[in-house]
Amino acid sequence: MRMRRMFPVLTAATAVAGAVAFAPSAANAAAPAKAPAPKARQAHCVFTPTPDNPAAKPVHPPKAKARAHGTVDVRIVTNHGEVRIRMDRRNAPCAVENFVSLTRQRFYDRTQCWRLTNSERLGVLQCGDIYRAEEGGPGYKFDDELTGKETYPRGTVAMGNWGPDTNGSQFFIVHTHANIPPAYTVLGTVTRGMNVLDEIAAGGIIPQSGPQDGLPKHPVKILRVTAHG
């Protein structure tokens, strides 16, 4: 995600019923309050080809309909250890469906995380690019799923992007904090393995875009990724 250079939850309605001291006639009885409409069980997603940025691995886009309820448990096995993530389909149905699709097509297997930052403003590990940081996506893009109230505390997993509505395969994991605008779709949170991220961060950085922004000094290789849910 570039930090321009770009890097790249729900409200509930309640019904209030008024009490009366006498039984109203049928003619004057108030109509029963309608229950709030349930949240859609599916979301419509649009995956747009990017011919100027073709797929780095042979994959196809997910289907246009994505489940908008439930969670997905993701397991990322790296050469430093295992990280487990719980992703929320309700918060970001298209982004989570995309991650699951790429995982099941083994897009992320045998790849490398090319960027590590560890500044007072930004502490993330960026993964999902095949060739190098910012290069090597799935050959398509899709829209952001944002409320404008997103925050990125330690343990957050979110999509990286190159600007509005340019999501692909890139994602980042926050190992300290990320004081960035609410412009990155949140996939979920780490449930196990933050110690692995701490070890990677403690290993240091080979500077590229600043003293605390570059390659992990000890390469981070994703051996395999699995997703259930």
C-alpha atoms as a PDB file:
ATOM      1  CA  MET A   1       0.000   0.000   0.000  1.00  0.00           C
ATOM      2  CA  ARG A   2       1.248   3.429  -0.826  1.00  0.00           C
ATOM      3  CA  MET A   3       1.192   6.184   1.776  1.00  0.00           C
ATOM      4  CA  ARG A   4       0.350   8.513  -1.042  1.00  0.00           C
ATOM      5  CA  ARG A   5       2.661   6.677  -0.949  1.00  0.00           C
ATOM      6  CA  MET A   6      -0.578   4.724  -0.428  1.00  0.00           C
ATOM      7  CA  PHE A   7      -0.964   1.781   1.921  1.00  0.00           C
ATOM      8  CA  PRO A   8      -2.147   0.024   0.428  1.00  0.00           C
ATOM      9  CA  VAL A   9     -19.664  -1.468  13.257  1.00  0.00           C
ATOM     10  CA  LEU A  10     -23.155  -1.539  12.809  1.00  0.00           C
ATOM     11  CA  THR A  11     -26.087   0.250  14.424  1.00  0.00           C
ATOM     12  CA  ALA A  12     -29.214  -1.537  15.677  1.00  0.00           C
ATOM     13  CA  ALA A  13     -32.704  -0.006  15.444  1.00  0.00           C
ATOM     14  CA  THR A  14     -35.047  -0.394  18.400  1.00  0.00           C
ATOM     15  CA  ALA A  15     -38.830  -0.160  18.500  1.00  0.00           C
ATOM     16  CA  VAL A  16     -40.456   1.786  21.334  1.00  0.00           C
ATOM     17  CA  ALA A  17     -43.974   0.780  22.291  1.00  0.00           C
ATOM     18  CA  GLY A  18     -46.178   3.111  24.333  1.00  0.00           C
ATOM     19  CA  ALA A  19     -48.366   1.721  27.138  1.00  0.00           C
ATOM     20  CA  VAL A  20     -52.043   2.747  27.540  1.00  0.00           C
ATOM     21  CA  ALA A  21     -54.400   2.464  30.549  1.00  0.00           C
ATOM     22  CA  PHE A  22     -57.330   1.108  28.575  1.00  0.00           C
ATOM     23  CA  ALA A  23     -57.873  -1.332  25.794  1.00  0.00           C
ATOM     24  CA  PRO A  24     -58.381   0.584  22.506  1.00  0.00           C
ATOM     25  CA  SER A  25     -61.120  -0.314  20.086  1.00  0.00           C
ATOM     26  CA  ALA A  26     -60.138  -2.206  16.987  1.00  0.00           C
ATOM     27  CA  ALA A  27     -60.737   0.920  14.896  1.00  0.00           C
ATOM     28  CA  ASN A  28     -58.426   3.068  17.012  1.00  0.00           C
ATOM     29  CA  ALA A  29     -55.773   0.447  17.718  1.00  0.00           C
ATOM     30  CA  ALA A  30     -52.331   1.500  16.578  1.00  0.00           C
ATOM     31  CA  ALA A  31     -50.724  -0.625  13.897  1.00  0.00           C
ATOM     32  CA  PRO A  32     -48.017  -2.888  15.295  1.00  0.00           C
ATOM     33  CA  ALA A  33     -44.496  -1.548  14.933  1.00  0.00           C
ATOM     34  CA  LYS A  34     -42.610  -3.043  12.022  1.00  0.00           C
ATOM     35  CA  ALA A  35     -39.469  -4.948  12.807  1.00  0.00           C
ATOM     36  CA  PRO A  36     -36.307  -3.459  11.311  1.00  0.00           C
ATOM     37  CA  ALA A  37     -35.319  -4.968   7.995  1.00  0.00           C
ATOM     38  CA  PRO A  38     -32.639  -7.620   8.443  1.00  0.00           C
ATOM     39  CA  LYS A  39     -29.198  -6.952   6.999  1.00  0.00           C
ATOM     40  CA  ALA A  40     -28.710  -8.530   3.580  1.00  0.00           C
ATOM     41  CA  ARG A  41     -27.363 -12.064   3.691  1.00  0.00           C
ATOM     42  CA  GLN A  42     -25.456 -11.519   0.442  1.00  0.00           C
ATOM     43  CA  ALA A  43     -23.472  -8.706  -1.098  1.00  0.00           C
ATOM     44  CA  HIS A  44     -22.950  -7.939  -4.770  1.00  0.00           C
ATOM     45  CA  CYS A  45     -19.288  -7.526  -5.648  1.00  0.00           C
ATOM     46  CA  VAL A  46     -17.689  -6.191  -8.820  1.00  0.00           C
ATOM     47  CA  PHE A  47     -14.217  -7.425  -9.752  1.00  0.00           C
ATOM     48  CA  THR A  48     -12.823  -5.312 -12.582  1.00  0.00           C
ATOM     49  CA  PRO A  49      -9.946  -6.607 -14.757  1.00  0.00           C
ATOM     50  CA  THR A  50      -6.698  -4.614 -14.692  1.00  0.00           C
ATOM     51  CA  PRO A  51      -5.021  -5.342 -18.051  1.00  0.00           C
ATOM     52  CA  ASP A  52      -2.217  -2.891 -17.259  1.00  0.00           C
ATOM     53  CA  ASN A  53      -1.493  -4.928 -14.135  1.00  0.00           C
ATOM     54  CA  PRO A  54      -2.058  -8.571 -15.153  1.00  0.00           C
ATOM     55  CA  ALA A  55      -2.284 -11.458 -12.737  1.00  0.00           C
ATOM     56  CA  ALA A  56       1.039 -12.467 -11.229  1.00  0.00           C
ATOM     57  CA  LYS A  57      -0.313 -16.005 -10.797  1.00  0.00           C
ATOM     58  CA  PRO A  58      -3.045 -17.796 -12.791  1.00  0.00           C
ATOM     59  CA  VAL A  59      -6.182 -17.057 -10.742  1.00  0.00           C
ATOM     60  CA  HIS A  60      -9.764 -16.131 -11.530  1.00  0.00           C
ATOM     61  CA  PRO A  61     -11.887 -13.536  -9.699  1.00  0.00           C
ATOM     62  CA  PRO A  62     -14.464 -14.634  -7.109  1.00  0.00           C
ATOM     63  CA  LYS A  63     -18.149 -14.855  -7.970  1.00  0.00           C
ATOM     64  CA  ALA A  64     -20.154 -11.635  -7.913  1.00  0.00           C
ATOM     65  CA  LYS A  65     -22.240 -12.700  -4.919  1.00  0.00           C
ATOM     66  CA  ALA A  66     -20.535 -12.922  -1.543  1.00  0.00           C
ATOM     67  CA  ARG A  67     -21.876 -14.106   1.787  1.00  0.00           C
ATOM     68  CA  ALA A  68     -22.426 -11.134   4.117  1.00  0.00           C
ATOM     69  CA  HIS A  69     -22.638 -12.997   7.413  1.00  0.00           C
ATOM     70  CA  GLY A  70     -20.402 -15.206   9.502  1.00  0.00           C
ATOM     71  CA  THR A  71     -16.655 -15.335   9.979  1.00  0.00           C
ATOM     72  CA  VAL A  72     -13.659 -16.953   8.314  1.00  0.00           C
ATOM     73  CA  ASP A  73     -10.731 -18.396  10.228  1.00  0.00           C
ATOM     74  CA  VAL A  74      -7.451 -17.913   8.375  1.00  0.00           C
ATOM     75  CA  ARG A  75      -4.149 -19.603   9.140  1.00  0.00           C
ATOM     76  CA  ILE A  76      -0.953 -18.117   7.721  1.00  0.00           C
ATOM     77  CA  VAL A  77       2.123 -20.306   8.112  1.00  0.00           C
ATOM     78  CA  THR A  78       5.396 -18.397   7.746  1.00  0.00           C
ATOM     79  CA  ASN A  79       9.045 -19.266   8.202  1.00  0.00           C
ATOM     80  CA  HIS A  80       8.842 -17.329  11.503  1.00  0.00           C
ATOM     81  CA  GLY A  81       5.771 -19.108  12.852  1.00  0.00           C
ATOM     82  CA  GLU A  82       2.014 -19.242  12.505  1.00  0.00           C
ATOM     83  CA  VAL A  83      -0.461 -16.337  12.520  1.00  0.00           C
ATOM     84  CA  ARG A  84      -4.205 -16.900  12.879  1.00  0.00           C
ATOM     85  CA  ILE A  85      -6.802 -14.360  11.832  1.00  0.00           C
ATOM     86  CA  ARG A  86     -10.572 -14.143  12.186  1.00  0.00           C
ATOM     87  CA  MET A  87     -12.158 -12.296   9.272  1.00  0.00           C
ATOM     88  CA  ASP A  88     -15.621 -10.722   9.412  1.00  0.00           C
ATOM     89  CA  ARG A  89     -17.803 -11.307   6.354  1.00  0.00           C
ATOM     90  CA  ARG A  90     -20.432  -8.906   7.653  1.00  0.00           C
ATOM     91  CA  ASN A  91     -18.035  -5.979   7.802  1.00  0.00           C
ATOM     92  CA  ALA A  92     -16.332  -6.573   4.426  1.00  0.00           C
ATOM     93  CA  PRO A  93     -18.089  -9.341   2.464  1.00  0.00           C
ATOM     94  CA  CYS A  94     -16.361  -8.688  -0.865  1.00  0.00           C
ATOM     95  CA  ALA A  95     -12.871  -8.296   0.585  1.00  0.00           C
ATOM     96  CA  VAL A  96     -13.179 -11.417   2.740  1.00  0.00           C
ATOM     97  CA  GLU A  97     -14.609 -13.434  -0.167  1.00  0.00           C
ATOM     98  CA  ASN A  98     -11.692 -12.261  -2.298  1.00  0.00           C
ATOM     99  CA  PHE A  99      -9.157 -13.313   0.342  1.00  0.00           C
ATOM    100  CA  VAL A 100     -10.802 -16.726   0.662  1.00  0.00           C
ATOM    101  CA  SER A 101     -10.866 -17.168  -3.120  1.00  0.00           C
ATOM    102  CA  LEU A 102      -7.186 -16.288  -3.519  1.00  0.00           C
ATOM    103  CA  THR A 103      -6.293 -18.526  -0.593  1.00  0.00           C
ATOM    104  CA  ARG A 104      -8.115 -21.510  -2.076  1.00  0.00           C
ATOM    105  CA  GLN A 105      -6.371 -20.897  -5.400  1.00  0.00           C
ATOM    106  CA  ARG A 106      -3.045 -20.889  -3.503  1.00  0.00           C
ATOM    107  CA  PHE A 107      -2.191 -17.374  -4.612  1.00  0.00           C
ATOM    108  CA  TYR A 108      -0.535 -16.549  -1.299  1.00  0.00           C
ATOM    109  CA  ASP A 109       1.368 -19.831  -0.916  1.00  0.00           C
ATOM    110  CA  ARG A 110       5.145 -19.566  -1.340  1.00  0.00           C
ATOM    111  CA  THR A 111       5.186 -15.770  -1.415  1.00  0.00           C
ATOM    112  CA  GLN A 112       7.086 -13.137   0.534  1.00  0.00           C
ATOM    113  CA  CYS A 113       6.108 -10.134   2.650  1.00  0.00           C
ATOM    114  CA  TRP A 114       8.097  -7.327   1.076  1.00  0.00           C
ATOM    115  CA  ARG A 115       7.490  -4.417   3.411  1.00  0.00           C
ATOM    116  CA  LEU A 116       7.905  -3.767   7.122  1.00  0.00           C
ATOM    117  CA  THR A 117       7.411  -0.418   8.843  1.00  0.00           C
ATOM    118  CA  ASN A 118       8.068   0.429  12.471  1.00  0.00           C
ATOM    119  CA  SER A 119       7.753   4.180  12.982  1.00  0.00           C
ATOM    120  CA  GLU A 120       5.841   6.161  15.578  1.00  0.00           C
ATOM    121  CA  ARG A 121       3.094   6.637  12.997  1.00  0.00           C
ATOM    122  CA  LEU A 122       3.005   3.264  11.296  1.00  0.00           C
ATOM    123  CA  GLY A 123       3.925  -0.264  12.336  1.00  0.00           C
ATOM    124  CA  VAL A 124       2.777  -2.870   9.807  1.00  0.00           C
ATOM    125  CA  LEU A 125       3.878  -5.932   7.907  1.00  0.00           C
ATOM    126  CA  GLN A 126       2.695  -5.752   4.293  1.00  0.00           C
ATOM    127  CA  CYS A 127       2.113  -8.933   2.296  1.00  0.00           C
ATOM    128  CA  GLY A 128       0.201 -10.158  -0.750  1.00  0.00           C
ATOM    129  CA  ASP A 129       2.404  -8.777  -3.553  1.00  0.00           C
ATOM    130  CA  ILE A 130       4.062 -11.481  -5.610  1.00  0.00           C
ATOM    131  CA  TYR A 131       7.103  -9.799  -7.176  1.00  0.00           C
ATOM    132  CA  ARG A 132       8.037  -7.021  -4.733  1.00  0.00           C
ATOM    133  CA  ALA A 133       6.305  -4.321  -2.680  1.00  0.00           C
ATOM    134  CA  GLU A 134       3.438  -2.831  -4.738  1.00  0.00           C
ATOM    135  CA  GLU A 135       3.960  -5.247  -7.651  1.00  0.00           C
ATOM    136  CA  GLY A 136       2.258  -8.519  -8.494  1.00  0.00           C
ATOM    137  CA  GLY A 137      -1.501  -8.668  -7.945  1.00  0.00           C
ATOM    138  CA  PRO A 138      -4.396 -10.908  -9.060  1.00  0.00           C
ATOM    139  CA  GLY A 139      -5.202  -9.103 -12.320  1.00  0.00           C
ATOM    140  CA  TYR A 140      -8.332  -7.354 -11.086  1.00  0.00           C
ATOM    141  CA  LYS A 141      -9.476  -4.775  -8.545  1.00  0.00           C
ATOM    142  CA  PHE A 142     -12.560  -4.173  -6.409  1.00  0.00           C
ATOM    143  CA  ASP A 143     -14.148  -1.421  -4.364  1.00  0.00           C
ATOM    144  CA  ASP A 144     -13.459  -0.369  -0.792  1.00  0.00           C
ATOM    145  CA  GLU A 145     -15.883  -1.350   1.984  1.00  0.00           C
ATOM    146  CA  LEU A 146     -15.654   1.539   4.420  1.00  0.00           C
ATOM    147  CA  THR A 147     -17.749   3.408   6.958  1.00  0.00           C
ATOM    148  CA  GLY A 148     -15.308   6.278   7.402  1.00  0.00           C
ATOM    149  CA  LYS A 149     -14.876   5.352  11.067  1.00  0.00           C
ATOM    150  CA  GLU A 150     -12.200   2.689  10.631  1.00  0.00           C
ATOM    151  CA  THR A 151      -9.272   2.575  13.028  1.00  0.00           C
ATOM    152  CA  TYR A 152      -6.251   0.304  12.862  1.00  0.00           C
ATOM    153  CA  PRO A 153      -5.033  -0.767  16.309  1.00  0.00           C
ATOM    154  CA  ARG A 154      -2.538  -3.550  16.975  1.00  0.00           C
ATOM    155  CA  GLY A 155      -3.701  -6.842  15.497  1.00  0.00           C
ATOM    156  CA  THR A 156      -5.828  -5.312  12.728  1.00  0.00           C
ATOM    157  CA  VAL A 157      -5.682  -6.980   9.312  1.00  0.00           C
ATOM    158  CA  ALA A 158      -6.719  -4.757   6.406  1.00  0.00           C
ATOM    159  CA  MET A 159      -6.489  -4.448   2.642  1.00  0.00           C
ATOM    160  CA  GLY A 160      -3.682  -2.405   1.145  1.00  0.00           C
ATOM    161  CA  ASN A 161      -4.427  -0.311  -1.923  1.00  0.00           C
ATOM    162  CA  TRP A 162      -3.100   2.251  -4.404  1.00  0.00           C
ATOM    163  CA  GLY A 163      -5.969   4.696  -3.963  1.00  0.00           C
ATOM    164  CA  PRO A 164      -9.758   4.513  -3.687  1.00  0.00           C
ATOM    165  CA  ASP A 165     -11.324   1.275  -4.938  1.00  0.00           C
ATOM    166  CA  THR A 166      -8.088  -0.390  -6.039  1.00  0.00           C
ATOM    167  CA  ASN A 167      -8.074  -3.456  -3.782  1.00  0.00           C
ATOM    168  CA  GLY A 168      -6.484  -6.636  -5.075  1.00  0.00           C
ATOM    169  CA  SER A 169      -4.365  -9.128  -3.141  1.00  0.00           C
ATOM    170  CA  GLN A 170      -2.253  -6.856  -0.933  1.00  0.00           C
ATOM    171  CA  PHE A 171      -2.961  -6.773   2.803  1.00  0.00           C
ATOM    172  CA  PHE A 172      -1.247  -5.609   5.941  1.00  0.00           C
ATOM    173  CA  ILE A 173      -1.118  -6.650   9.587  1.00  0.00           C
ATOM    174  CA  VAL A 174      -0.655  -3.980  12.252  1.00  0.00           C
ATOM    175  CA  HIS A 175       2.032  -5.027  14.758  1.00  0.00           C
ATOM    176  CA  THR A 176       1.990  -1.787  16.799  1.00  0.00           C
ATOM    177  CA  HIS A 177      -0.431   0.853  15.506  1.00  0.00           C
ATOM    178  CA  ALA A 178      -1.345   2.569  12.254  1.00  0.00           C
ATOM    179  CA  ASN A 179      -2.262   6.241  12.489  1.00  0.00           C
ATOM    180  CA  ILE A 180      -3.627   6.441   8.961  1.00  0.00           C
ATOM    181  CA  PRO A 181      -6.873   7.705   7.390  1.00  0.00           C
ATOM    182  CA  PRO A 182      -9.930   5.393   7.345  1.00  0.00           C
ATOM    183  CA  ALA A 183      -9.206   4.429   3.745  1.00  0.00           C
ATOM    184  CA  TYR A 184      -8.345   0.741   4.101  1.00  0.00           C
ATOM    185  CA  THR A 185     -10.965  -1.999   4.273  1.00  0.00           C
ATOM    186  CA  VAL A 186     -10.694  -3.980   7.500  1.00  0.00           C
ATOM    187  CA  LEU A 187     -10.677  -7.751   7.006  1.00  0.00           C
ATOM    188  CA  GLY A 188     -10.455  -8.842  10.640  1.00  0.00           C
ATOM    189  CA  THR A 189      -8.092  -9.255  13.552  1.00  0.00           C
ATOM    190  CA  VAL A 190      -5.256 -11.522  14.622  1.00  0.00           C
ATOM    191  CA  THR A 191      -6.426 -14.102  17.154  1.00  0.00           C
ATOM    192  CA  ARG A 192      -3.111 -15.847  17.649  1.00  0.00           C
ATOM    193  CA  GLY A 193       0.496 -15.204  16.667  1.00  0.00           C
ATOM    194  CA  MET A 194       1.168 -11.567  17.521  1.00  0.00           C
ATOM    195  CA  ASN A 195       4.409 -12.803  19.047  1.00  0.00           C
ATOM    196  CA  VAL A 196       5.432 -13.830  15.526  1.00  0.00           C
ATOM    197  CA  LEU A 197       4.832 -10.273  14.304  1.00  0.00           C
ATOM    198  CA  ASP A 198       6.781  -8.896  17.276  1.00  0.00           C
ATOM    199  CA  GLU A 199       9.727 -11.136  16.428  1.00  0.00           C
ATOM    200  CA  ILE A 200       9.685 -10.026  12.792  1.00  0.00           C
ATOM    201  CA  ALA A 201       9.558  -6.342  13.780  1.00  0.00           C
ATOM    202  CA  ALA A 202      12.343  -6.780  16.330  1.00  0.00           C
ATOM    203  CA  GLY A 203      14.538  -8.310  13.637  1.00  0.00           C
ATOM    204  CA  GLY A 204      14.920  -4.931  11.988  1.00  0.00           C
ATOM    205  CA  ILE A 205      14.411  -3.280   8.612  1.00  0.00           C
ATOM    206  CA  ILE A 206      16.527  -2.784   5.499  1.00  0.00           C
ATOM    207  CA  PRO A 207      15.578   0.850   4.748  1.00  0.00           C
ATOM    208  CA  GLN A 208      14.052   1.662   1.364  1.00  0.00           C
ATOM    209  CA  SER A 209      11.523   4.474   1.794  1.00  0.00           C
ATOM    210  CA  GLY A 210      12.895   5.778   5.077  1.00  0.00           C
ATOM    211  CA  PRO A 211      14.849   4.486   8.066  1.00  0.00           C
ATOM    212  CA  GLN A 212      11.810   2.610   9.411  1.00  0.00           C
ATOM    213  CA  ASP A 213      10.231   1.567   6.092  1.00  0.00           C
ATOM    214  CA  GLY A 214      11.646  -1.168   3.899  1.00  0.00           C
ATOM    215  CA  LEU A 215      12.345  -4.872   3.625  1.00  0.00           C
ATOM    216  CA  PRO A 216      12.277  -7.029   6.744  1.00  0.00           C
ATOM    217  CA  LYS A 217      15.909  -7.663   7.637  1.00  0.00           C
ATOM    218  CA  HIS A 218      15.048 -11.319   8.103  1.00  0.00           C
ATOM    219  CA  PRO A 219      12.947 -12.324   5.064  1.00  0.00           C
ATOM    220  CA  VAL A 220       9.328 -13.214   5.814  1.00  0.00           C
ATOM    221  CA  LYS A 221       8.124 -16.071   3.648  1.00  0.00           C
ATOM    222  CA  ILE A 222       4.518 -17.265   3.569  1.00  0.00           C
ATOM    223  CA  LEU A 223       4.646 -21.022   3.181  1.00  0.00           C
ATOM    224  CA  ARG A 224       0.902 -21.632   2.963  1.00  0.00           C
ATOM    225  CA  VAL A 225      -2.433 -20.076   3.836  1.00  0.00           C
ATOM    226  CA  THR A 226      -5.701 -21.843   4.654  1.00  0.00           C
ATOM    227  CA  ALA A 227      -9.213 -20.456   5.201  1.00  0.00           C
ATOM    228  CA  HIS A 228     -12.265 -22.062   6.798  1.00  0.00           C
ATOM    229  CA  GLY A 229     -15.706 -20.546   7.060  1.00  0.00           C
END
